[in-house]
């Protein structure tokens, strides 16, 4: 799993961490168990992906797949990417 710079304080500076789970939901639960607090930065208080956080399983944005129920086969790259806003 690719961790963005802003969340690496939770992973001890690691840009890549491994996770287990058949779905993205399971992977994120394991991630939060291994790195307490990171889950709250990715999911809101209702357990949904935060509005300004994009998650990709492989090359697919999970918002256009099955969301947190998106399958995560072994070896699949998961990327957490904070949305960037601004400009004129």
PDB file of N, CA and C in Angstrom:
ATOM      1  N   UNK A   1       0.838  -1.166   0.000  1.00  0.00           N
ATOM      2  CA  UNK A   1       0.000   0.000   0.000  1.00  0.00           C
ATOM      3  C   UNK A   1       0.884   1.231   0.000  1.00  0.00           C
ATOM      4  N   UNK A   2       0.631   2.163  -0.915  1.00  0.00           N
ATOM      5  CA  UNK A   2       1.369   3.427  -0.995  1.00  0.00           C
ATOM      6  C   UNK A   2       0.731   4.430  -0.041  1.00  0.00           C
ATOM      7  N   UNK A   3       1.579   5.016   0.802  1.00  0.00           N
ATOM      8  CA  UNK A   3       1.122   5.982   1.793  1.00  0.00           C
ATOM      9  C   UNK A   3       1.614   7.367   1.377  1.00  0.00           C
ATOM     10  N   UNK A   4       0.717   8.359   1.313  1.00  0.00           N
ATOM     11  CA  UNK A   4       1.156   9.702   0.929  1.00  0.00           C
ATOM     12  C   UNK A   4       2.009  10.332   2.031  1.00  0.00           C
ATOM     13  N   UNK A   5       2.829  11.273   1.653  1.00  0.00           N
ATOM     14  CA  UNK A   5       3.750  11.928   2.579  1.00  0.00           C
ATOM     15  C   UNK A   5       3.040  12.434   3.831  1.00  0.00           C
ATOM     16  N   UNK A   6       1.893  13.026   3.673  1.00  0.00           N
ATOM     17  CA  UNK A   6       1.184  13.624   4.796  1.00  0.00           C
ATOM     18  C   UNK A   6       0.757  12.593   5.848  1.00  0.00           C
ATOM     19  N   UNK A   7       0.627  11.330   5.482  1.00  0.00           N
ATOM     20  CA  UNK A   7       0.219  10.284   6.427  1.00  0.00           C
ATOM     21  C   UNK A   7       1.380   9.421   6.919  1.00  0.00           C
ATOM     22  N   UNK A   8       2.574   9.695   6.459  1.00  0.00           N
ATOM     23  CA  UNK A   8       3.714   8.855   6.834  1.00  0.00           C
ATOM     24  C   UNK A   8       4.142   9.006   8.279  1.00  0.00           C
ATOM     25  N   UNK A   9       3.663  10.037   8.961  1.00  0.00           N
ATOM     26  CA  UNK A   9       3.954  10.145  10.393  1.00  0.00           C
ATOM     27  C   UNK A   9       3.340   8.971  11.143  1.00  0.00           C
ATOM     28  N   UNK A  10       2.262   8.409  10.620  1.00  0.00           N
ATOM     29  CA  UNK A  10       1.612   7.250  11.238  1.00  0.00           C
ATOM     30  C   UNK A  10       2.375   5.958  10.966  1.00  0.00           C
ATOM     31  N   UNK A  11       3.118   5.921   9.871  1.00  0.00           N
ATOM     32  CA  UNK A  11       3.813   4.685   9.480  1.00  0.00           C
ATOM     33  C   UNK A  11       5.317   4.752   9.755  1.00  0.00           C
ATOM     34  N   UNK A  12       5.723   5.682  10.605  1.00  0.00           N
ATOM     35  CA  UNK A  12       7.146   5.819  10.918  1.00  0.00           C
ATOM     36  C   UNK A  12       7.963   6.267   9.724  1.00  0.00           C
ATOM     37  N   UNK A  13       7.329   6.966   8.805  1.00  0.00           N
ATOM     38  CA  UNK A  13       8.017   7.469   7.619  1.00  0.00           C
ATOM     39  C   UNK A  13       7.981   6.545   6.425  1.00  0.00           C
ATOM     40  N   UNK A  14       7.418   5.354   6.589  1.00  0.00           N
ATOM     41  CA  UNK A  14       7.374   4.382   5.486  1.00  0.00           C
ATOM     42  C   UNK A  14       6.413   4.833   4.397  1.00  0.00           C
ATOM     43  N   UNK A  15       6.894   4.806   3.150  1.00  0.00           N
ATOM     44  CA  UNK A  15       6.066   5.163   2.001  1.00  0.00           C
ATOM     45  C   UNK A  15       5.235   3.982   1.515  1.00  0.00           C
ATOM     46  N   UNK A  16       5.694   2.782   1.787  1.00  0.00           N
ATOM     47  CA  UNK A  16       4.995   1.554   1.399  1.00  0.00           C
ATOM     48  C   UNK A  16       4.846   0.665   2.617  1.00  0.00           C
ATOM     49  N   UNK A  17       3.652   0.166   2.828  1.00  0.00           N
ATOM     50  CA  UNK A  17       3.398  -0.785   3.904  1.00  0.00           C
ATOM     51  C   UNK A  17       2.582  -1.937   3.321  1.00  0.00           C
ATOM     52  N   UNK A  18       2.633  -3.076   3.969  1.00  0.00           N
ATOM     53  CA  UNK A  18       1.844  -4.203   3.480  1.00  0.00           C
ATOM     54  C   UNK A  18       0.579  -4.331   4.306  1.00  0.00           C
ATOM     55  N   UNK A  19      -0.420  -4.905   3.705  1.00  0.00           N
ATOM     56  CA  UNK A  19      -1.686  -5.097   4.384  1.00  0.00           C
ATOM     57  C   UNK A  19      -2.355  -6.359   3.885  1.00  0.00           C
ATOM     58  N   UNK A  20      -3.228  -6.878   4.707  1.00  0.00           N
ATOM     59  CA  UNK A  20      -3.947  -8.099   4.366  1.00  0.00           C
ATOM     60  C   UNK A  20      -5.433  -7.806   4.338  1.00  0.00           C
ATOM     61  N   UNK A  21      -6.133  -8.539   3.498  1.00  0.00           N
ATOM     62  CA  UNK A  21      -7.579  -8.439   3.462  1.00  0.00           C
ATOM     63  C   UNK A  21      -8.107  -8.733   2.077  1.00  0.00           C
ATOM     64  N   UNK A  22      -9.299  -9.296   2.042  1.00  0.00           N
ATOM     65  CA  UNK A  22      -9.928  -9.630   0.769  1.00  0.00           C
ATOM     66  C   UNK A  22     -10.589  -8.418   0.128  1.00  0.00           C
ATOM     67  N   UNK A  23     -10.891  -7.405   0.959  1.00  0.00           N
ATOM     68  CA  UNK A  23     -11.514  -6.179   0.459  1.00  0.00           C
ATOM     69  C   UNK A  23     -10.734  -4.975   0.977  1.00  0.00           C
ATOM     70  N   UNK A  24     -10.973  -3.837   0.367  1.00  0.00           N
ATOM     71  CA  UNK A  24     -10.325  -2.615   0.816  1.00  0.00           C
ATOM     72  C   UNK A  24     -10.681  -2.326   2.264  1.00  0.00           C
ATOM     73  N   UNK A  25     -11.903  -2.553   2.660  1.00  0.00           N
ATOM     74  CA  UNK A  25     -12.336  -2.340   4.042  1.00  0.00           C
ATOM     75  C   UNK A  25     -11.463  -3.142   5.009  1.00  0.00           C
ATOM     76  N   UNK A  26     -11.230  -4.404   4.699  1.00  0.00           N
ATOM     77  CA  UNK A  26     -10.407  -5.267   5.556  1.00  0.00           C
ATOM     78  C   UNK A  26      -8.962  -4.788   5.593  1.00  0.00           C
ATOM     79  N   UNK A  27      -8.442  -4.368   4.452  1.00  0.00           N
ATOM     80  CA  UNK A  27      -7.066  -3.864   4.391  1.00  0.00           C
ATOM     81  C   UNK A  27      -6.936  -2.612   5.251  1.00  0.00           C
ATOM     82  N   UNK A  28      -7.902  -1.708   5.167  1.00  0.00           N
ATOM     83  CA  UNK A  28      -7.837  -0.478   5.957  1.00  0.00           C
ATOM     84  C   UNK A  28      -7.987  -0.753   7.449  1.00  0.00           C
ATOM     85  N   UNK A  29      -8.792  -1.747   7.814  1.00  0.00           N
ATOM     86  CA  UNK A  29      -8.913  -2.124   9.225  1.00  0.00           C
ATOM     87  C   UNK A  29      -7.578  -2.646   9.749  1.00  0.00           C
ATOM     88  N   UNK A  30      -6.916  -3.471   8.961  1.00  0.00           N
ATOM     89  CA  UNK A  30      -5.601  -3.997   9.343  1.00  0.00           C
ATOM     90  C   UNK A  30      -4.576  -2.876   9.409  1.00  0.00           C
ATOM     91  N   UNK A  31      -4.630  -1.961   8.449  1.00  0.00           N
ATOM     92  CA  UNK A  31      -3.717  -0.826   8.434  1.00  0.00           C
ATOM     93  C   UNK A  31      -3.864  -0.011   9.714  1.00  0.00           C
ATOM     94  N   UNK A  32      -5.110   0.258  10.116  1.00  0.00           N
ATOM     95  CA  UNK A  32      -5.340   1.044  11.325  1.00  0.00           C
ATOM     96  C   UNK A  32      -4.916   0.281  12.576  1.00  0.00           C
ATOM     97  N   UNK A  33      -5.040  -1.033  12.567  1.00  0.00           N
ATOM     98  CA  UNK A  33      -4.587  -1.835  13.707  1.00  0.00           C
ATOM     99  C   UNK A  33      -3.063  -1.784  13.815  1.00  0.00           C
ATOM    100  N   UNK A  34      -2.385  -1.816  12.676  1.00  0.00           N
ATOM    101  CA  UNK A  34      -0.920  -1.784  12.655  1.00  0.00           C
ATOM    102  C   UNK A  34      -0.367  -0.379  12.893  1.00  0.00           C
ATOM    103  N   UNK A  35      -1.107   0.631  12.435  1.00  0.00           N
ATOM    104  CA  UNK A  35      -0.670   2.032  12.519  1.00  0.00           C
ATOM    105  C   UNK A  35      -1.826   2.860  13.084  1.00  0.00           C
ATOM    106  N   UNK A  36      -2.036   2.784  14.396  1.00  0.00           N
ATOM    107  CA  UNK A  36      -3.191   3.447  15.022  1.00  0.00           C
ATOM    108  C   UNK A  36      -3.325   4.918  14.633  1.00  0.00           C
ATOM    109  N   UNK A  37      -4.561   5.284  14.294  1.00  0.00           N
ATOM    110  CA  UNK A  37      -4.879   6.661  13.949  1.00  0.00           C
ATOM    111  C   UNK A  37      -4.938   6.936  12.460  1.00  0.00           C
ATOM    112  N   UNK A  38      -4.261   6.109  11.665  1.00  0.00           N
ATOM    113  CA  UNK A  38      -4.245   6.378  10.221  1.00  0.00           C
ATOM    114  C   UNK A  38      -5.631   6.175   9.599  1.00  0.00           C
ATOM    115  N   UNK A  39      -6.387   5.240  10.141  1.00  0.00           N
ATOM    116  CA  UNK A  39      -7.715   4.974   9.594  1.00  0.00           C
ATOM    117  C   UNK A  39      -8.626   6.187   9.656  1.00  0.00           C
ATOM    118  N   UNK A  40      -8.533   6.960  10.738  1.00  0.00           N
ATOM    119  CA  UNK A  40      -9.372   8.148  10.903  1.00  0.00           C
ATOM    120  C   UNK A  40      -9.004   9.250   9.915  1.00  0.00           C
ATOM    121  N   UNK A  41      -7.835   9.188   9.352  1.00  0.00           N
ATOM    122  CA  UNK A  41      -7.418  10.166   8.338  1.00  0.00           C
ATOM    123  C   UNK A  41      -7.909   9.778   6.947  1.00  0.00           C
ATOM    124  N   UNK A  42      -8.276   8.501   6.778  1.00  0.00           N
ATOM    125  CA  UNK A  42      -8.745   8.002   5.482  1.00  0.00           C
ATOM    126  C   UNK A  42     -10.273   7.883   5.461  1.00  0.00           C
ATOM    127  N   UNK A  43     -10.835   7.457   6.598  1.00  0.00           N
ATOM    128  CA  UNK A  43     -12.281   7.267   6.703  1.00  0.00           C
ATOM    129  C   UNK A  43     -12.880   8.313   7.639  1.00  0.00           C
ATOM    130  N   UNK A  44     -14.124   8.710   7.348  1.00  0.00           N
ATOM    131  CA  UNK A  44     -14.789   9.678   8.222  1.00  0.00           C
ATOM    132  C   UNK A  44     -15.448   8.968   9.404  1.00  0.00           C
ATOM    133  N   UNK A  45     -16.157   9.734  10.223  1.00  0.00           N
ATOM    134  CA  UNK A  45     -16.786   9.176  11.428  1.00  0.00           C
ATOM    135  C   UNK A  45     -17.895   8.178  11.113  1.00  0.00           C
ATOM    136  N   UNK A  46     -18.364   8.144   9.870  1.00  0.00           N
ATOM    137  CA  UNK A  46     -19.377   7.177   9.450  1.00  0.00           C
ATOM    138  C   UNK A  46     -18.769   5.959   8.769  1.00  0.00           C
ATOM    139  N   UNK A  47     -17.435   5.904   8.716  1.00  0.00           N
ATOM    140  CA  UNK A  47     -16.773   4.767   8.094  1.00  0.00           C
ATOM    141  C   UNK A  47     -16.703   4.823   6.586  1.00  0.00           C
ATOM    142  N   UNK A  48     -16.937   5.991   6.019  1.00  0.00           N
ATOM    143  CA  UNK A  48     -16.858   6.168   4.564  1.00  0.00           C
ATOM    144  C   UNK A  48     -15.563   6.891   4.220  1.00  0.00           C
ATOM    145  N   UNK A  49     -15.115   6.717   2.978  1.00  0.00           N
ATOM    146  CA  UNK A  49     -13.906   7.422   2.547  1.00  0.00           C
ATOM    147  C   UNK A  49     -14.117   8.924   2.697  1.00  0.00           C
ATOM    148  N   UNK A  50     -13.111   9.582   3.229  1.00  0.00           N
ATOM    149  CA  UNK A  50     -13.187  11.034   3.356  1.00  0.00           C
ATOM    150  C   UNK A  50     -13.294  11.655   1.971  1.00  0.00           C
ATOM    151  N   UNK A  51     -13.958  12.775   1.905  1.00  0.00           N
ATOM    152  CA  UNK A  51     -14.240  13.439   0.637  1.00  0.00           C
ATOM    153  C   UNK A  51     -12.982  13.771  -0.156  1.00  0.00           C
ATOM    154  N   UNK A  52     -11.929  14.184   0.528  1.00  0.00           N
ATOM    155  CA  UNK A  52     -10.725  14.620  -0.169  1.00  0.00           C
ATOM    156  C   UNK A  52      -9.604  13.579  -0.140  1.00  0.00           C
ATOM    157  N   UNK A  53      -9.987  12.318  -0.023  1.00  0.00           N
ATOM    158  CA  UNK A  53      -9.021  11.223  -0.087  1.00  0.00           C
ATOM    159  C   UNK A  53      -9.456  10.299  -1.215  1.00  0.00           C
ATOM    160  N   UNK A  54      -8.547  10.041  -2.134  1.00  0.00           N
ATOM    161  CA  UNK A  54      -8.806   9.105  -3.227  1.00  0.00           C
ATOM    162  C   UNK A  54      -8.017   7.834  -2.964  1.00  0.00           C
ATOM    163  N   UNK A  55      -8.646   6.702  -3.210  1.00  0.00           N
ATOM    164  CA  UNK A  55      -7.980   5.416  -3.024  1.00  0.00           C
ATOM    165  C   UNK A  55      -8.110   4.633  -4.322  1.00  0.00           C
ATOM    166  N   UNK A  56      -6.989   4.087  -4.747  1.00  0.00           N
ATOM    167  CA  UNK A  56      -6.938   3.274  -5.959  1.00  0.00           C
ATOM    168  C   UNK A  56      -6.526   1.860  -5.605  1.00  0.00           C
ATOM    169  N   UNK A  57      -7.220   0.900  -6.173  1.00  0.00           N
ATOM    170  CA  UNK A  57      -6.826  -0.505  -6.095  1.00  0.00           C
ATOM    171  C   UNK A  57      -6.387  -0.843  -7.505  1.00  0.00           C
ATOM    172  N   UNK A  58      -5.089  -1.089  -7.652  1.00  0.00           N
ATOM    173  CA  UNK A  58      -4.524  -1.182  -8.996  1.00  0.00           C
ATOM    174  C   UNK A  58      -4.631   0.199  -9.618  1.00  0.00           C
ATOM    175  N   UNK A  59      -5.200   0.292 -10.792  1.00  0.00           N
ATOM    176  CA  UNK A  59      -5.385   1.576 -11.465  1.00  0.00           C
ATOM    177  C   UNK A  59      -6.809   2.103 -11.346  1.00  0.00           C
ATOM    178  N   UNK A  60      -7.638   1.443 -10.528  1.00  0.00           N
ATOM    179  CA  UNK A  60      -9.051   1.794 -10.469  1.00  0.00           C
ATOM    180  C   UNK A  60      -9.387   2.594  -9.211  1.00  0.00           C
ATOM    181  N   UNK A  61     -10.025   3.743  -9.415  1.00  0.00           N
ATOM    182  CA  UNK A  61     -10.519   4.566  -8.318  1.00  0.00           C
ATOM    183  C   UNK A  61     -11.681   3.808  -7.677  1.00  0.00           C
ATOM    184  N   UNK A  62     -11.575   3.500  -6.376  1.00  0.00           N
ATOM    185  CA  UNK A  62     -12.600   2.677  -5.734  1.00  0.00           C
ATOM    186  C   UNK A  62     -13.965   3.345  -5.688  1.00  0.00           C
ATOM    187  N   UNK A  63     -14.010   4.664  -5.833  1.00  0.00           N
ATOM    188  CA  UNK A  63     -15.315   5.351  -5.858  1.00  0.00           C
ATOM    189  C   UNK A  63     -16.133   4.941  -7.089  1.00  0.00           C
ATOM    190  N   UNK A  64     -15.444   4.472  -8.133  1.00  0.00           N
ATOM    191  CA  UNK A  64     -16.118   4.033  -9.352  1.00  0.00           C
ATOM    192  C   UNK A  64     -16.150   2.514  -9.455  1.00  0.00           C
ATOM    193  N   UNK A  65     -15.702   1.854  -8.403  1.00  0.00           N
ATOM    194  CA  UNK A  65     -15.749   0.387  -8.340  1.00  0.00           C
ATOM    195  C   UNK A  65     -16.767   0.032  -7.245  1.00  0.00           C
ATOM    196  N   UNK A  66     -16.354  -0.788  -6.299  1.00  0.00           N
ATOM    197  CA  UNK A  66     -17.250  -1.208  -5.220  1.00  0.00           C
ATOM    198  C   UNK A  66     -16.940  -0.516  -3.901  1.00  0.00           C
ATOM    199  N   UNK A  67     -16.301   0.659  -3.972  1.00  0.00           N
ATOM    200  CA  UNK A  67     -15.993   1.398  -2.748  1.00  0.00           C
ATOM    201  C   UNK A  67     -15.134   0.576  -1.800  1.00  0.00           C
ATOM    202  N   UNK A  68     -15.501   0.584  -0.538  1.00  0.00           N
ATOM    203  CA  UNK A  68     -14.731  -0.155   0.465  1.00  0.00           C
ATOM    204  C   UNK A  68     -14.850  -1.661   0.285  1.00  0.00           C
ATOM    205  N   UNK A  69     -15.810  -2.113  -0.505  1.00  0.00           N
ATOM    206  CA  UNK A  69     -15.969  -3.541  -0.772  1.00  0.00           C
ATOM    207  C   UNK A  69     -15.198  -3.984  -2.016  1.00  0.00           C
ATOM    208  N   UNK A  70     -14.384  -3.102  -2.576  1.00  0.00           N
ATOM    209  CA  UNK A  70     -13.563  -3.446  -3.730  1.00  0.00           C
ATOM    210  C   UNK A  70     -12.608  -4.576  -3.347  1.00  0.00           C
ATOM    211  N   UNK A  71     -12.555  -5.602  -4.178  1.00  0.00           N
ATOM    212  CA  UNK A  71     -11.677  -6.748  -3.920  1.00  0.00           C
ATOM    213  C   UNK A  71     -10.209  -6.324  -3.991  1.00  0.00           C
ATOM    214  N   UNK A  72      -9.405  -6.907  -3.115  1.00  0.00           N
ATOM    215  CA  UNK A  72      -7.967  -6.625  -3.074  1.00  0.00           C
ATOM    216  C   UNK A  72      -7.199  -7.942  -3.127  1.00  0.00           C
ATOM    217  N   UNK A  73      -7.079  -8.523  -4.322  1.00  0.00           N
ATOM    218  CA  UNK A  73      -6.357  -9.787  -4.454  1.00  0.00           C
ATOM    219  C   UNK A  73      -4.904  -9.639  -3.977  1.00  0.00           C
ATOM    220  N   UNK A  74      -4.295 -10.725  -3.512  1.00  0.00           N
ATOM    221  CA  UNK A  74      -2.897 -10.662  -3.078  1.00  0.00           C
ATOM    222  C   UNK A  74      -2.015 -10.047  -4.157  1.00  0.00           C
ATOM    223  N   UNK A  75      -1.119  -9.170  -3.747  1.00  0.00           N
ATOM    224  CA  UNK A  75      -0.183  -8.537  -4.669  1.00  0.00           C
ATOM    225  C   UNK A  75      -0.697  -7.273  -5.330  1.00  0.00           C
ATOM    226  N   UNK A  76      -1.949  -6.921  -5.080  1.00  0.00           N
ATOM    227  CA  UNK A  76      -2.527  -5.720  -5.672  1.00  0.00           C
ATOM    228  C   UNK A  76      -1.958  -4.478  -4.994  1.00  0.00           C
ATOM    229  N   UNK A  77      -1.582  -3.487  -5.793  1.00  0.00           N
ATOM    230  CA  UNK A  77      -1.099  -2.212  -5.254  1.00  0.00           C
ATOM    231  C   UNK A  77      -2.298  -1.344  -4.885  1.00  0.00           C
ATOM    232  N   UNK A  78      -2.288  -0.833  -3.659  1.00  0.00           N
ATOM    233  CA  UNK A  78      -3.321   0.089  -3.198  1.00  0.00           C
ATOM    234  C   UNK A  78      -2.630   1.419  -2.959  1.00  0.00           C
ATOM    235  N   UNK A  79      -3.203   2.493  -3.457  1.00  0.00           N
ATOM    236  CA  UNK A  79      -2.615   3.829  -3.293  1.00  0.00           C
ATOM    237  C   UNK A  79      -3.627   4.756  -2.637  1.00  0.00           C
ATOM    238  N   UNK A  80      -3.182   5.448  -1.604  1.00  0.00           N
ATOM    239  CA  UNK A  80      -3.984   6.476  -0.941  1.00  0.00           C
ATOM    240  C   UNK A  80      -3.440   7.804  -1.421  1.00  0.00           C
ATOM    241  N   UNK A  81      -4.315   8.625  -2.019  1.00  0.00           N
ATOM    242  CA  UNK A  81      -3.866   9.880  -2.607  1.00  0.00           C
ATOM    243  C   UNK A  81      -4.779  11.003  -2.123  1.00  0.00           C
ATOM    244  N   UNK A  82      -4.216  11.936  -1.339  1.00  0.00           N
ATOM    245  CA  UNK A  82      -5.050  13.071  -0.925  1.00  0.00           C
ATOM    246  C   UNK A  82      -5.329  13.972  -2.119  1.00  0.00           C
ATOM    247  N   UNK A  83      -6.560  14.444  -2.210  1.00  0.00           N
ATOM    248  CA  UNK A  83      -6.926  15.354  -3.286  1.00  0.00           C
ATOM    249  C   UNK A  83      -6.227  16.700  -3.059  1.00  0.00           C
ATOM    250  N   UNK A  84      -5.871  17.339  -4.140  1.00  0.00           N
ATOM    251  CA  UNK A  84      -5.222  18.647  -4.076  1.00  0.00           C
ATOM    252  C   UNK A  84      -6.210  19.671  -4.615  1.00  0.00           C
ATOM    253  N   UNK A  85      -6.409  20.727  -3.847  1.00  0.00           N
ATOM    254  CA  UNK A  85      -7.323  21.785  -4.276  1.00  0.00           C
ATOM    255  C   UNK A  85      -6.590  23.119  -4.250  1.00  0.00           C
ATOM    256  N   UNK A  86      -7.138  24.054  -4.930  1.00  0.00           N
ATOM    257  CA  UNK A  86      -6.558  25.390  -4.917  1.00  0.00           C
ATOM    258  C   UNK A  86      -6.484  25.966  -6.309  1.00  0.00           C
ATOM    259  N   UNK A  87      -5.787  27.057  -6.427  1.00  0.00           N
ATOM    260  CA  UNK A  87      -5.657  27.695  -7.727  1.00  0.00           C
ATOM    261  C   UNK A  87      -6.571  28.901  -7.810  1.00  0.00           C
ATOM    262  N   UNK A  88      -6.650  29.457  -8.985  1.00  0.00           N
ATOM    263  CA  UNK A  88      -7.468  30.644  -9.173  1.00  0.00           C
ATOM    264  C   UNK A  88      -8.625  30.360 -10.082  1.00  0.00           C
TER     265      UNK A  88
END
